[in-house]
Amino acid sequence: MEIVFSTQEKEFFSDPVKDSHKDFVSELAEGSLWSEIDELEQRLNDFSEEFEQINDKSSFKGQYLEVLIYNLESELKEMKKLYKNNI
């Protein structure tokens, strides 16, 4: 004996609960990512202000701040690209 169960794919996968859960998780991830971007931008601003106040930019502290600023700018660029691709 063979029983065949047939349903349309669209009806089977359009469960409103799954859709709303997917939307919620997506919005949560976007909000979390944007929060990280905001935090990194604030740190970048703080480091940039501190670097501007240093008289000897070639000192260890000046070079260290330059590296931090460069790395934060690179990380922010990648995170913003990721955010734009997921919207």
N, C-alpha and C. Protein backbone atom coordinates (compact mmCIF):
# COMPACT_ATOMS: atom_id res chain seq x y z
N MET A 1 0.84 -1.16 0.00
CA MET A 1 0.00 0.00 0.00
C MET A 1 0.90 1.24 0.00
N GLU A 2 0.54 2.21 -0.82
CA GLU A 2 1.32 3.44 -0.93
C GLU A 2 0.38 4.63 -0.76
N ILE A 3 0.81 5.58 0.08
CA ILE A 3 0.04 6.80 0.30
C ILE A 3 0.89 7.96 -0.19
N VAL A 4 0.29 8.78 -0.99
CA VAL A 4 0.99 9.94 -1.52
C VAL A 4 0.35 11.19 -0.93
N PHE A 5 1.18 12.00 -0.33
CA PHE A 5 0.71 13.25 0.24
C PHE A 5 1.25 14.37 -0.63
N SER A 6 0.38 15.15 -1.17
CA SER A 6 0.78 16.23 -2.06
C SER A 6 0.34 17.57 -1.50
N THR A 7 1.25 18.51 -1.52
CA THR A 7 0.93 19.87 -1.10
C THR A 7 1.75 20.84 -1.93
N GLN A 8 1.27 22.02 -2.05
CA GLN A 8 2.04 23.00 -2.80
C GLN A 8 3.12 23.57 -1.89
N GLU A 9 4.30 23.70 -2.45
CA GLU A 9 5.44 24.17 -1.68
C GLU A 9 5.18 25.54 -1.07
N LYS A 10 4.54 26.42 -1.81
CA LYS A 10 4.27 27.75 -1.34
C LYS A 10 3.41 27.73 -0.08
N GLU A 11 2.39 26.90 -0.07
CA GLU A 11 1.51 26.80 1.10
C GLU A 11 2.25 26.21 2.29
N PHE A 12 3.09 25.24 2.04
CA PHE A 12 3.78 24.53 3.11
C PHE A 12 4.80 25.42 3.82
N PHE A 13 5.51 26.24 3.07
CA PHE A 13 6.58 27.03 3.65
C PHE A 13 6.19 28.47 4.00
N SER A 14 4.95 28.85 3.85
CA SER A 14 4.57 30.23 4.15
C SER A 14 3.94 30.37 5.53
N ASP A 15 4.40 29.62 6.47
CA ASP A 15 3.89 29.67 7.83
C ASP A 15 4.17 31.06 8.43
N PRO A 16 3.13 31.79 8.82
CA PRO A 16 3.32 33.15 9.34
C PRO A 16 4.22 33.21 10.57
N VAL A 17 4.19 32.18 11.39
CA VAL A 17 5.03 32.17 12.59
C VAL A 17 6.50 32.09 12.19
N LYS A 18 6.82 31.24 11.23
CA LYS A 18 8.20 31.13 10.77
C LYS A 18 8.65 32.44 10.13
N ASP A 19 7.79 33.06 9.36
CA ASP A 19 8.12 34.33 8.71
C ASP A 19 8.38 35.42 9.74
N SER A 20 7.51 35.52 10.75
CA SER A 20 7.69 36.57 11.75
C SER A 20 8.94 36.30 12.58
N HIS A 21 9.24 35.03 12.86
CA HIS A 21 10.46 34.69 13.60
C HIS A 21 11.69 35.06 12.78
N LYS A 22 11.65 34.76 11.48
CA LYS A 22 12.76 35.09 10.60
C LYS A 22 12.96 36.60 10.55
N ASP A 23 11.86 37.37 10.45
CA ASP A 23 11.95 38.83 10.43
C ASP A 23 12.52 39.35 11.74
N PHE A 24 12.08 38.78 12.85
CA PHE A 24 12.56 39.22 14.16
C PHE A 24 14.06 38.98 14.29
N VAL A 25 14.51 37.80 13.92
CA VAL A 25 15.93 37.47 14.01
C VAL A 25 16.75 38.37 13.09
N SER A 26 16.23 38.64 11.91
CA SER A 26 16.93 39.50 10.97
C SER A 26 17.07 40.92 11.52
N GLU A 27 15.99 41.46 12.06
CA GLU A 27 16.03 42.80 12.64
C GLU A 27 16.94 42.85 13.86
N LEU A 28 16.93 41.80 14.66
CA LEU A 28 17.79 41.74 15.83
C LEU A 28 19.26 41.75 15.41
N ALA A 29 19.59 40.97 14.38
CA ALA A 29 20.96 40.91 13.89
C ALA A 29 21.39 42.27 13.32
N GLU A 30 20.51 42.91 12.56
CA GLU A 30 20.83 44.23 11.99
C GLU A 30 21.04 45.25 13.11
N GLY A 31 20.19 45.22 14.12
CA GLY A 31 20.33 46.15 15.24
C GLY A 31 21.63 45.92 16.01
N SER A 32 21.97 44.67 16.21
CA SER A 32 23.21 44.34 16.91
C SER A 32 24.42 44.80 16.11
N LEU A 33 24.39 44.57 14.81
CA LEU A 33 25.50 44.98 13.95
C LEU A 33 25.62 46.50 13.95
N TRP A 34 24.49 47.20 13.85
CA TRP A 34 24.54 48.66 13.85
C TRP A 34 25.04 49.20 15.19
N SER A 35 24.70 48.53 16.27
CA SER A 35 25.18 48.93 17.59
C SER A 35 26.70 48.79 17.66
N GLU A 36 27.24 47.72 17.12
CA GLU A 36 28.69 47.53 17.08
C GLU A 36 29.35 48.60 16.23
N ILE A 37 28.72 48.95 15.11
CA ILE A 37 29.26 50.00 14.23
C ILE A 37 29.31 51.32 14.99
N ASP A 38 28.24 51.65 15.71
CA ASP A 38 28.21 52.89 16.49
C ASP A 38 29.32 52.92 17.54
N GLU A 39 29.51 51.81 18.22
CA GLU A 39 30.54 51.72 19.24
C GLU A 39 31.94 51.90 18.64
N LEU A 40 32.19 51.26 17.51
CA LEU A 40 33.49 51.40 16.85
C LEU A 40 33.71 52.83 16.36
N GLU A 41 32.67 53.47 15.85
CA GLU A 41 32.80 54.86 15.41
C GLU A 41 33.13 55.78 16.58
N GLN A 42 32.54 55.53 17.72
CA GLN A 42 32.84 56.34 18.90
C GLN A 42 34.29 56.14 19.33
N ARG A 43 34.76 54.91 19.34
CA ARG A 43 36.16 54.65 19.68
C ARG A 43 37.10 55.29 18.67
N LEU A 44 36.74 55.24 17.40
CA LEU A 44 37.55 55.86 16.36
C LEU A 44 37.64 57.37 16.59
N ASN A 45 36.52 57.99 16.90
CA ASN A 45 36.52 59.43 17.19
C ASN A 45 37.39 59.76 18.39
N ASP A 46 37.28 58.95 19.44
CA ASP A 46 38.09 59.18 20.65
C ASP A 46 39.58 59.07 20.33
N PHE A 47 39.96 58.02 19.61
CA PHE A 47 41.38 57.84 19.26
C PHE A 47 41.88 58.94 18.34
N SER A 48 41.04 59.37 17.41
CA SER A 48 41.43 60.43 16.48
C SER A 48 41.64 61.75 17.22
N GLU A 49 40.75 62.07 18.16
CA GLU A 49 40.91 63.28 18.96
C GLU A 49 42.18 63.23 19.79
N GLU A 50 42.44 62.09 20.38
CA GLU A 50 43.65 61.95 21.20
C GLU A 50 44.90 62.06 20.32
N PHE A 51 44.85 61.49 19.12
CA PHE A 51 46.00 61.57 18.21
C PHE A 51 46.27 63.02 17.81
N GLU A 52 45.21 63.78 17.57
CA GLU A 52 45.36 65.18 17.17
C GLU A 52 46.01 66.02 18.27
N GLN A 53 45.81 65.63 19.51
CA GLN A 53 46.35 66.39 20.64
C GLN A 53 47.81 66.07 20.94
N ILE A 54 48.34 65.02 20.34
CA ILE A 54 49.73 64.63 20.59
C ILE A 54 50.66 65.56 19.80
N ASN A 55 51.68 66.07 20.49
CA ASN A 55 52.66 66.94 19.83
C ASN A 55 53.62 66.14 18.96
N ASP A 56 54.12 65.03 19.50
CA ASP A 56 55.09 64.21 18.76
C ASP A 56 54.36 62.99 18.18
N LYS A 57 53.92 63.15 16.94
CA LYS A 57 53.14 62.08 16.28
C LYS A 57 53.99 60.83 16.01
N SER A 58 55.31 60.98 16.00
CA SER A 58 56.18 59.83 15.74
C SER A 58 56.57 59.09 17.01
N SER A 59 56.05 59.53 18.16
CA SER A 59 56.32 58.83 19.41
C SER A 59 55.62 57.47 19.40
N PHE A 60 55.96 56.64 20.38
CA PHE A 60 55.34 55.33 20.47
C PHE A 60 53.82 55.46 20.57
N LYS A 61 53.37 56.38 21.43
CA LYS A 61 51.92 56.57 21.61
C LYS A 61 51.27 57.03 20.31
N GLY A 62 51.92 57.94 19.61
CA GLY A 62 51.38 58.42 18.33
C GLY A 62 51.29 57.31 17.30
N GLN A 63 52.34 56.50 17.20
CA GLN A 63 52.33 55.39 16.24
C GLN A 63 51.29 54.35 16.62
N TYR A 64 51.16 54.10 17.92
CA TYR A 64 50.17 53.13 18.39
C TYR A 64 48.76 53.59 18.05
N LEU A 65 48.49 54.88 18.28
CA LEU A 65 47.17 55.42 17.96
C LEU A 65 46.92 55.37 16.46
N GLU A 66 47.94 55.62 15.64
CA GLU A 66 47.77 55.52 14.19
C GLU A 66 47.36 54.11 13.77
N VAL A 67 47.99 53.12 14.39
CA VAL A 67 47.65 51.72 14.09
C VAL A 67 46.22 51.42 14.53
N LEU A 68 45.86 51.87 15.71
CA LEU A 68 44.49 51.65 16.19
C LEU A 68 43.47 52.30 15.27
N ILE A 69 43.75 53.52 14.86
CA ILE A 69 42.84 54.25 13.96
C ILE A 69 42.72 53.53 12.62
N TYR A 70 43.85 53.11 12.07
CA TYR A 70 43.84 52.41 10.78
C TYR A 70 43.02 51.13 10.88
N ASN A 71 43.25 50.35 11.95
CA ASN A 71 42.53 49.09 12.12
C ASN A 71 41.03 49.31 12.32
N LEU A 72 40.67 50.32 13.09
CA LEU A 72 39.25 50.62 13.30
C LEU A 72 38.58 51.08 12.01
N GLU A 73 39.28 51.89 11.22
CA GLU A 73 38.72 52.33 9.94
C GLU A 73 38.48 51.14 9.01
N SER A 74 39.44 50.21 8.98
CA SER A 74 39.29 49.01 8.14
C SER A 74 38.13 48.15 8.62
N GLU A 75 38.05 47.96 9.92
CA GLU A 75 36.97 47.14 10.48
C GLU A 75 35.61 47.78 10.24
N LEU A 76 35.53 49.09 10.40
CA LEU A 76 34.27 49.79 10.16
C LEU A 76 33.86 49.69 8.70
N LYS A 77 34.80 49.80 7.81
CA LYS A 77 34.50 49.70 6.39
C LYS A 77 33.89 48.34 6.07
N GLU A 78 34.47 47.28 6.61
CA GLU A 78 33.95 45.93 6.37
C GLU A 78 32.58 45.72 7.01
N MET A 79 32.41 46.24 8.23
CA MET A 79 31.13 46.07 8.91
C MET A 79 30.02 46.83 8.20
N LYS A 80 30.32 48.04 7.70
CA LYS A 80 29.31 48.81 6.98
C LYS A 80 28.95 48.13 5.67
N LYS A 81 29.95 47.53 5.03
CA LYS A 81 29.68 46.80 3.79
C LYS A 81 28.78 45.60 4.09
N LEU A 82 29.05 44.91 5.16
CA LEU A 82 28.23 43.77 5.57
C LEU A 82 26.81 44.23 5.90
N TYR A 83 26.68 45.35 6.60
CA TYR A 83 25.37 45.87 6.94
C TYR A 83 24.57 46.24 5.70
N LYS A 84 25.22 46.92 4.75
CA LYS A 84 24.53 47.32 3.52
C LYS A 84 24.11 46.12 2.69
N ASN A 85 24.90 45.07 2.69
CA ASN A 85 24.58 43.86 1.92
C ASN A 85 23.43 43.08 2.54
N ASN A 86 23.20 43.26 3.83
CA ASN A 86 22.14 42.50 4.51
C ASN A 86 20.84 43.26 4.62
N ILE A 87 20.80 44.50 4.21
CA ILE A 87 19.55 45.27 4.30
C ILE A 87 18.61 44.87 3.21
